[in-house]
PDB file of N, CA and C in Angstrom:
ATOM      1  N   MET A   1       0.839  -1.153  -0.027  1.00  0.00           N
ATOM      2  CA  MET A   1      -0.065  -0.068  -0.050  1.00  0.00           C
ATOM      3  C   MET A   1       0.817   1.252   0.028  1.00  0.00           C
ATOM      4  N   ALA A   2       1.894   1.180   0.724  1.00  0.00           N
ATOM      5  CA  ALA A   2       2.825   2.333   0.883  1.00  0.00           C
ATOM      6  C   ALA A   2       3.460   2.710  -0.524  1.00  0.00           C
ATOM      7  N   VAL A   3       3.879   1.695  -1.275  1.00  0.00           N
ATOM      8  CA  VAL A   3       4.401   1.914  -2.602  1.00  0.00           C
ATOM      9  C   VAL A   3       3.371   2.547  -3.563  1.00  0.00           C
ATOM     10  N   ALA A   4       2.205   1.932  -3.540  1.00  0.00           N
ATOM     11  CA  ALA A   4       1.103   2.496  -4.348  1.00  0.00           C
ATOM     12  C   ALA A   4       0.888   3.924  -3.959  1.00  0.00           C
ATOM     13  N   TRP A   5       0.821   4.201  -2.713  1.00  0.00           N
ATOM     14  CA  TRP A   5       0.573   5.610  -2.301  1.00  0.00           C
ATOM     15  C   TRP A   5       1.646   6.609  -2.639  1.00  0.00           C
ATOM     16  N   LEU A   6       2.945   6.052  -2.622  1.00  0.00           N
ATOM     17  CA  LEU A   6       4.006   6.951  -3.005  1.00  0.00           C
ATOM     18  C   LEU A   6       4.166   7.141  -4.452  1.00  0.00           C
ATOM     19  N   LEU A   7       3.572   6.158  -5.224  1.00  0.00           N
ATOM     20  CA  LEU A   7       3.396   6.473  -6.758  1.00  0.00           C
ATOM     21  C   LEU A   7       2.273   7.313  -7.094  1.00  0.00           C
ATOM     22  N   HIS A   8       1.169   7.102  -6.344  1.00  0.00           N
ATOM     23  CA  HIS A   8      -0.092   7.725  -6.656  1.00  0.00           C
ATOM     24  C   HIS A   8      -0.043   9.307  -6.303  1.00  0.00           C
ATOM     25  N   THR A   9       0.447   9.618  -5.209  1.00  0.00           N
ATOM     26  CA  THR A   9       0.349  11.038  -4.872  1.00  0.00           C
ATOM     27  C   THR A   9       1.122  12.027  -5.599  1.00  0.00           C
ATOM     28  N   PRO A  10       2.462  11.768  -5.942  1.00  0.00           N
ATOM     29  CA  PRO A  10       3.133  12.624  -6.860  1.00  0.00           C
ATOM     30  C   PRO A  10       2.553  12.666  -8.275  1.00  0.00           C
ATOM     31  N   SER A  11       2.129  11.584  -8.819  1.00  0.00           N
ATOM     32  CA  SER A  11       1.705  11.494 -10.068  1.00  0.00           C
ATOM     33  C   SER A  11       0.289  12.273 -10.163  1.00  0.00           C
ATOM     34  N   LYS A  12      -0.448  12.229  -9.134  1.00  0.00           N
ATOM     35  CA  LYS A  12      -1.766  12.969  -9.046  1.00  0.00           C
ATOM     36  C   LYS A  12      -1.393  14.549  -9.055  1.00  0.00           C
ATOM     37  N   TRP A  13      -0.544  14.899  -8.267  1.00  0.00           N
ATOM     38  CA  TRP A  13      -0.220  16.291  -8.198  1.00  0.00           C
ATOM     39  C   TRP A  13       0.486  16.813  -9.540  1.00  0.00           C
ATOM     40  N   VAL A  14       1.215  15.950 -10.228  1.00  0.00           N
ATOM     41  CA  VAL A  14       1.732  16.365 -11.529  1.00  0.00           C
ATOM     42  C   VAL A  14       0.625  16.497 -12.552  1.00  0.00           C
ATOM     43  N   ALA A  15      -0.335  15.596 -12.494  1.00  0.00           N
ATOM     44  CA  ALA A  15      -1.480  15.559 -13.371  1.00  0.00           C
ATOM     45  C   ALA A  15      -2.299  16.857 -13.178  1.00  0.00           C
ATOM     46  N   ILE A  16      -2.502  17.185 -11.853  1.00  0.00           N
ATOM     47  CA  ILE A  16      -3.295  18.408 -11.535  1.00  0.00           C
ATOM     48  C   ILE A  16      -2.626  19.720 -12.019  1.00  0.00           C
ATOM     49  N   THR A  17      -1.295  19.759 -11.948  1.00  0.00           N
ATOM     50  CA  THR A  17      -0.592  20.945 -12.510  1.00  0.00           C
ATOM     51  C   THR A  17      -0.556  21.036 -13.954  1.00  0.00           C
ATOM     52  N   LEU A  18      -0.611  19.928 -14.632  1.00  0.00           N
ATOM     53  CA  LEU A  18      -0.526  19.886 -16.066  1.00  0.00           C
ATOM     54  C   LEU A  18      -1.768  20.025 -16.871  1.00  0.00           C
ATOM     55  N   ILE A  19      -2.913  19.780 -16.315  1.00  0.00           N
ATOM     56  CA  ILE A  19      -4.150  19.666 -16.977  1.00  0.00           C
ATOM     57  C   ILE A  19      -4.851  20.941 -16.861  1.00  0.00           C
ATOM     58  N   GLU A  20      -5.716  21.278 -17.834  1.00  0.00           N
ATOM     59  CA  GLU A  20      -6.456  22.600 -17.815  1.00  0.00           C
ATOM     60  C   GLU A  20      -7.452  22.649 -16.706  1.00  0.00           C
ATOM     61  N   ASN A  21      -8.203  21.549 -16.493  1.00  0.00           N
ATOM     62  CA  ASN A  21      -9.285  21.487 -15.494  1.00  0.00           C
ATOM     63  C   ASN A  21      -8.971  20.424 -14.488  1.00  0.00           C
ATOM     64  N   PRO A  22      -8.498  20.826 -13.243  1.00  0.00           N
ATOM     65  CA  PRO A  22      -8.110  19.791 -12.216  1.00  0.00           C
ATOM     66  C   PRO A  22      -9.295  18.839 -11.803  1.00  0.00           C
ATOM     67  N   ALA A  23     -10.453  19.206 -12.142  1.00  0.00           N
ATOM     68  CA  ALA A  23     -11.563  18.288 -11.815  1.00  0.00           C
ATOM     69  C   ALA A  23     -11.444  16.986 -12.612  1.00  0.00           C
ATOM     70  N   TYR A  24     -10.768  17.018 -13.768  1.00  0.00           N
ATOM     71  CA  TYR A  24     -10.630  15.792 -14.582  1.00  0.00           C
ATOM     72  C   TYR A  24      -9.912  14.738 -13.867  1.00  0.00           C
ATOM     73  N   VAL A  25      -8.912  15.180 -13.148  1.00  0.00           N
ATOM     74  CA  VAL A  25      -8.047  14.177 -12.268  1.00  0.00           C
ATOM     75  C   VAL A  25      -8.915  13.556 -11.226  1.00  0.00           C
ATOM     76  N   THR A  26      -9.714  14.310 -10.606  1.00  0.00           N
ATOM     77  CA  THR A  26     -10.653  13.859  -9.639  1.00  0.00           C
ATOM     78  C   THR A  26     -11.685  12.844 -10.237  1.00  0.00           C
ATOM     79  N   MET A  27     -12.182  13.165 -11.387  1.00  0.00           N
ATOM     80  CA  MET A  27     -13.130  12.363 -12.091  1.00  0.00           C
ATOM     81  C   MET A  27     -12.544  11.039 -12.480  1.00  0.00           C
ATOM     82  N   ILE A  28     -11.351  11.015 -12.917  1.00  0.00           N
ATOM     83  CA  ILE A  28     -10.623   9.833 -13.214  1.00  0.00           C
ATOM     84  C   ILE A  28     -10.334   9.008 -12.028  1.00  0.00           C
ATOM     85  N   GLY A  29     -10.056   9.580 -10.988  1.00  0.00           N
ATOM     86  CA  GLY A  29      -9.886   8.904  -9.741  1.00  0.00           C
ATOM     87  C   GLY A  29     -11.125   8.308  -9.076  1.00  0.00           C
ATOM     88  N   LEU A  30     -12.231   8.836  -9.359  1.00  0.00           N
ATOM     89  CA  LEU A  30     -13.509   8.404  -8.848  1.00  0.00           C
ATOM     90  C   LEU A  30     -14.037   7.258  -9.703  1.00  0.00           C
ATOM     91  N   THR A  31     -13.414   7.014 -10.976  1.00  0.00           N
ATOM     92  CA  THR A  31     -13.820   5.920 -11.756  1.00  0.00           C
ATOM     93  C   THR A  31     -13.444   4.536 -11.272  1.00  0.00           C
ATOM     94  N   ALA A  32     -12.644   4.630 -10.263  1.00  0.00           N
ATOM     95  CA  ALA A  32     -12.056   3.387  -9.644  1.00  0.00           C
ATOM     96  C   ALA A  32     -13.168   2.278  -9.365  1.00  0.00           C
ATOM     97  N   SER A  33     -14.359   2.771  -8.913  1.00  0.00           N
ATOM     98  CA  SER A  33     -15.501   1.840  -8.633  1.00  0.00           C
ATOM     99  C   SER A  33     -15.899   1.189  -9.952  1.00  0.00           C
ATOM    100  N   LEU A  34     -15.889   1.889 -11.020  1.00  0.00           N
ATOM    101  CA  LEU A  34     -16.270   1.298 -12.425  1.00  0.00           C
ATOM    102  C   LEU A  34     -15.280   0.235 -12.685  1.00  0.00           C
ATOM    103  N   TRP A  35     -13.968   0.418 -12.486  1.00  0.00           N
ATOM    104  CA  TRP A  35     -13.002  -0.537 -12.990  1.00  0.00           C
ATOM    105  C   TRP A  35     -13.100  -1.761 -12.103  1.00  0.00           C
ATOM    106  N   VAL A  36     -13.411  -1.622 -10.702  1.00  0.00           N
ATOM    107  CA  VAL A  36     -13.591  -2.747  -9.927  1.00  0.00           C
ATOM    108  C   VAL A  36     -14.844  -3.565 -10.356  1.00  0.00           C
ATOM    109  N   LEU A  37     -15.848  -2.804 -10.617  1.00  0.00           N
ATOM    110  CA  LEU A  37     -17.176  -3.489 -11.142  1.00  0.00           C
ATOM    111  C   LEU A  37     -16.837  -4.297 -12.438  1.00  0.00           C
ATOM    112  N   LEU A  38     -16.076  -3.620 -13.354  1.00  0.00           N
ATOM    113  CA  LEU A  38     -15.748  -4.408 -14.630  1.00  0.00           C
ATOM    114  C   LEU A  38     -14.864  -5.618 -14.371  1.00  0.00           C
ATOM    115  N   PHE A  39     -13.887  -5.494 -13.415  1.00  0.00           N
ATOM    116  CA  PHE A  39     -13.090  -6.651 -13.049  1.00  0.00           C
ATOM    117  C   PHE A  39     -13.920  -7.788 -12.501  1.00  0.00           C
ATOM    118  N   TYR A  40     -14.919  -7.390 -11.636  1.00  0.00           N
ATOM    119  CA  TYR A  40     -15.754  -8.377 -10.964  1.00  0.00           C
ATOM    120  C   TYR A  40     -16.646  -9.023 -12.052  1.00  0.00           C
ATOM    121  N   LYS A  41     -17.136  -8.361 -13.034  1.00  0.00           N
ATOM    122  CA  LYS A  41     -17.855  -8.869 -14.044  1.00  0.00           C
ATOM    123  C   LYS A  41     -17.078  -9.912 -14.953  1.00  0.00           C
ATOM    124  N   ILE A  42     -15.804  -9.516 -15.277  1.00  0.00           N
ATOM    125  CA  ILE A  42     -14.947 -10.370 -16.085  1.00  0.00           C
ATOM    126  C   ILE A  42     -14.637 -11.639 -15.333  1.00  0.00           C
ATOM    127  N   THR A  43     -14.290 -11.574 -13.980  1.00  0.00           N
ATOM    128  CA  THR A  43     -13.927 -12.746 -13.189  1.00  0.00           C
ATOM    129  C   THR A  43     -15.052 -13.576 -12.724  1.00  0.00           C
ATOM    130  N   GLY A  44     -16.294 -12.914 -12.780  1.00  0.00           N
ATOM    131  CA  GLY A  44     -17.434 -13.646 -12.297  1.00  0.00           C
ATOM    132  C   GLY A  44     -17.717 -13.608 -10.783  1.00  0.00           C
ATOM    133  N   ARG A  45     -17.037 -12.647 -10.136  1.00  0.00           N
ATOM    134  CA  ARG A  45     -17.318 -12.557  -8.644  1.00  0.00           C
ATOM    135  C   ARG A  45     -18.619 -11.714  -8.517  1.00  0.00           C
ATOM    136  N   LYS A  46     -19.227 -12.038  -7.412  1.00  0.00           N
ATOM    137  CA  LYS A  46     -20.477 -11.406  -6.970  1.00  0.00           C
ATOM    138  C   LYS A  46     -20.044 -10.051  -6.181  1.00  0.00           C
ATOM    139  N   GLU A  47     -20.527  -8.916  -6.680  1.00  0.00           N
ATOM    140  CA  GLU A  47     -20.332  -7.678  -5.901  1.00  0.00           C
ATOM    141  C   GLU A  47     -21.337  -7.552  -4.851  1.00  0.00           C
ATOM    142  N   THR A  48     -20.877  -7.349  -3.615  1.00  0.00           N
ATOM    143  CA  THR A  48     -21.803  -7.131  -2.443  1.00  0.00           C
ATOM    144  C   THR A  48     -22.033  -5.780  -2.003  1.00  0.00           C
ATOM    145  N   ALA A  49     -21.210  -4.839  -2.520  1.00  0.00           N
ATOM    146  CA  ALA A  49     -21.308  -3.540  -2.002  1.00  0.00           C
ATOM    147  C   ALA A  49     -22.552  -2.813  -2.745  1.00  0.00           C
ATOM    148  N   ASP A  50     -22.703  -1.633  -2.247  1.00  0.00           N
ATOM    149  CA  ASP A  50     -23.876  -0.818  -2.809  1.00  0.00           C
ATOM    150  C   ASP A  50     -23.297  -0.289  -4.066  1.00  0.00           C
ATOM    151  N   ILE A  51     -23.710  -0.908  -5.256  1.00  0.00           N
ATOM    152  CA  ILE A  51     -23.200  -0.454  -6.536  1.00  0.00           C
ATOM    153  C   ILE A  51     -23.789   0.777  -6.999  1.00  0.00           C
ATOM    154  N   TRP A  52     -25.139   0.994  -6.727  1.00  0.00           N
ATOM    155  CA  TRP A  52     -25.729   2.189  -7.249  1.00  0.00           C
ATOM    156  C   TRP A  52     -25.242   3.545  -6.631  1.00  0.00           C
ATOM    157  N   SER A  53     -24.915   3.450  -5.344  1.00  0.00           N
ATOM    158  CA  SER A  53     -24.429   4.761  -4.764  1.00  0.00           C
ATOM    159  C   SER A  53     -22.975   4.996  -5.327  1.00  0.00           C
ATOM    160  N   GLY A  54     -22.178   4.019  -5.523  1.00  0.00           N
ATOM    161  CA  GLY A  54     -20.843   4.220  -6.114  1.00  0.00           C
ATOM    162  C   GLY A  54     -20.963   4.838  -7.619  1.00  0.00           C
ATOM    163  N   LEU A  55     -21.900   4.172  -8.335  1.00  0.00           N
ATOM    164  CA  LEU A  55     -22.061   4.682  -9.699  1.00  0.00           C
ATOM    165  C   LEU A  55     -22.658   6.084  -9.677  1.00  0.00           C
ATOM    166  N   GLY A  56     -23.575   6.388  -8.691  1.00  0.00           N
ATOM    167  CA  GLY A  56     -24.112   7.709  -8.610  1.00  0.00           C
ATOM    168  C   GLY A  56     -23.077   8.730  -8.257  1.00  0.00           C
ATOM    169  N   ILE A  57     -22.105   8.364  -7.412  1.00  0.00           N
ATOM    170  CA  ILE A  57     -21.000   9.424  -7.211  1.00  0.00           C
ATOM    171  C   ILE A  57     -20.190   9.707  -8.479  1.00  0.00           C
ATOM    172  N   VAL A  58     -19.968   8.628  -9.275  1.00  0.00           N
ATOM    173  CA  VAL A  58     -19.160   8.828 -10.518  1.00  0.00           C
ATOM    174  C   VAL A  58     -20.040   9.642 -11.413  1.00  0.00           C
ATOM    175  N   ALA A  59     -21.316   9.414 -11.535  1.00  0.00           N
ATOM    176  CA  ALA A  59     -22.213  10.235 -12.511  1.00  0.00           C
ATOM    177  C   ALA A  59     -22.235  11.655 -12.033  1.00  0.00           C
ATOM    178  N   CYS A  60     -22.389  11.921 -10.733  1.00  0.00           N
ATOM    179  CA  CYS A  60     -22.393  13.262 -10.185  1.00  0.00           C
ATOM    180  C   CYS A  60     -21.123  14.028 -10.533  1.00  0.00           C
ATOM    181  N   VAL A  61     -19.997  13.400 -10.445  1.00  0.00           N
ATOM    182  CA  VAL A  61     -18.730  14.064 -10.681  1.00  0.00           C
ATOM    183  C   VAL A  61     -18.645  14.256 -12.258  1.00  0.00           C
ATOM    184  N   ALA A  62     -19.074  13.409 -13.040  1.00  0.00           N
ATOM    185  CA  ALA A  62     -19.033  13.586 -14.533  1.00  0.00           C
ATOM    186  C   ALA A  62     -19.951  14.772 -14.943  1.00  0.00           C
ATOM    187  N   ILE A  63     -21.114  14.854 -14.341  1.00  0.00           N
ATOM    188  CA  ILE A  63     -21.997  15.955 -14.621  1.00  0.00           C
ATOM    189  C   ILE A  63     -21.372  17.320 -14.113  1.00  0.00           C
ATOM    190  N   LEU A  64     -20.830  17.263 -12.952  1.00  0.00           N
ATOM    191  CA  LEU A  64     -20.144  18.463 -12.401  1.00  0.00           C
ATOM    192  C   LEU A  64     -19.065  18.904 -13.372  1.00  0.00           C
ATOM    193  N   VAL A  65     -18.173  18.096 -13.871  1.00  0.00           N
ATOM    194  CA  VAL A  65     -17.086  18.374 -14.766  1.00  0.00           C
ATOM    195  C   VAL A  65     -17.635  18.903 -16.093  1.00  0.00           C
ATOM    196  N   MET A  66     -18.736  18.348 -16.595  1.00  0.00           N
ATOM    197  CA  MET A  66     -19.358  18.827 -17.796  1.00  0.00           C
ATOM    198  C   MET A  66     -19.939  20.243 -17.669  1.00  0.00           C
ATOM    199  N   PHE A  67     -20.588  20.461 -16.588  1.00  0.00           N
ATOM    200  CA  PHE A  67     -21.123  21.829 -16.412  1.00  0.00           C
ATOM    201  C   PHE A  67     -20.106  22.870 -16.161  1.00  0.00           C
ATOM    202  N   THR A  68     -18.891  22.572 -15.565  1.00  0.00           N
ATOM    203  CA  THR A  68     -17.920  23.569 -15.408  1.00  0.00           C
ATOM    204  C   THR A  68     -17.261  23.865 -16.738  1.00  0.00           C
ATOM    205  N   GLN A  69     -17.454  23.227 -17.701  1.00  0.00           N
ATOM    206  CA  GLN A  69     -16.903  23.498 -19.043  1.00  0.00           C
ATOM    207  C   GLN A  69     -17.760  24.422 -19.936  1.00  0.00           C
ATOM    208  N   LEU A  70     -19.005  24.628 -19.496  1.00  0.00           N
ATOM    209  CA  LEU A  70     -19.938  25.479 -20.270  1.00  0.00           C
ATOM    210  C   LEU A  70     -19.690  26.895 -20.104  1.00  0.00           C
TER     211      LEU A  70
END
């Protein structure tokens, strides 16, 4: 976990400084629940978490990013 965190944090800050809208970085980070859901579908594991609330958070962030670009 420490190695993942040490790689994640600096790369996130570099991405935030290089991109036009920092909300994109947050949106990509919040899509982690979608990747886990896709992995579980491919491997056939049953997801026991509250899927709809996780997908709702991702949808809200995507809508927020879209409206900040208008």
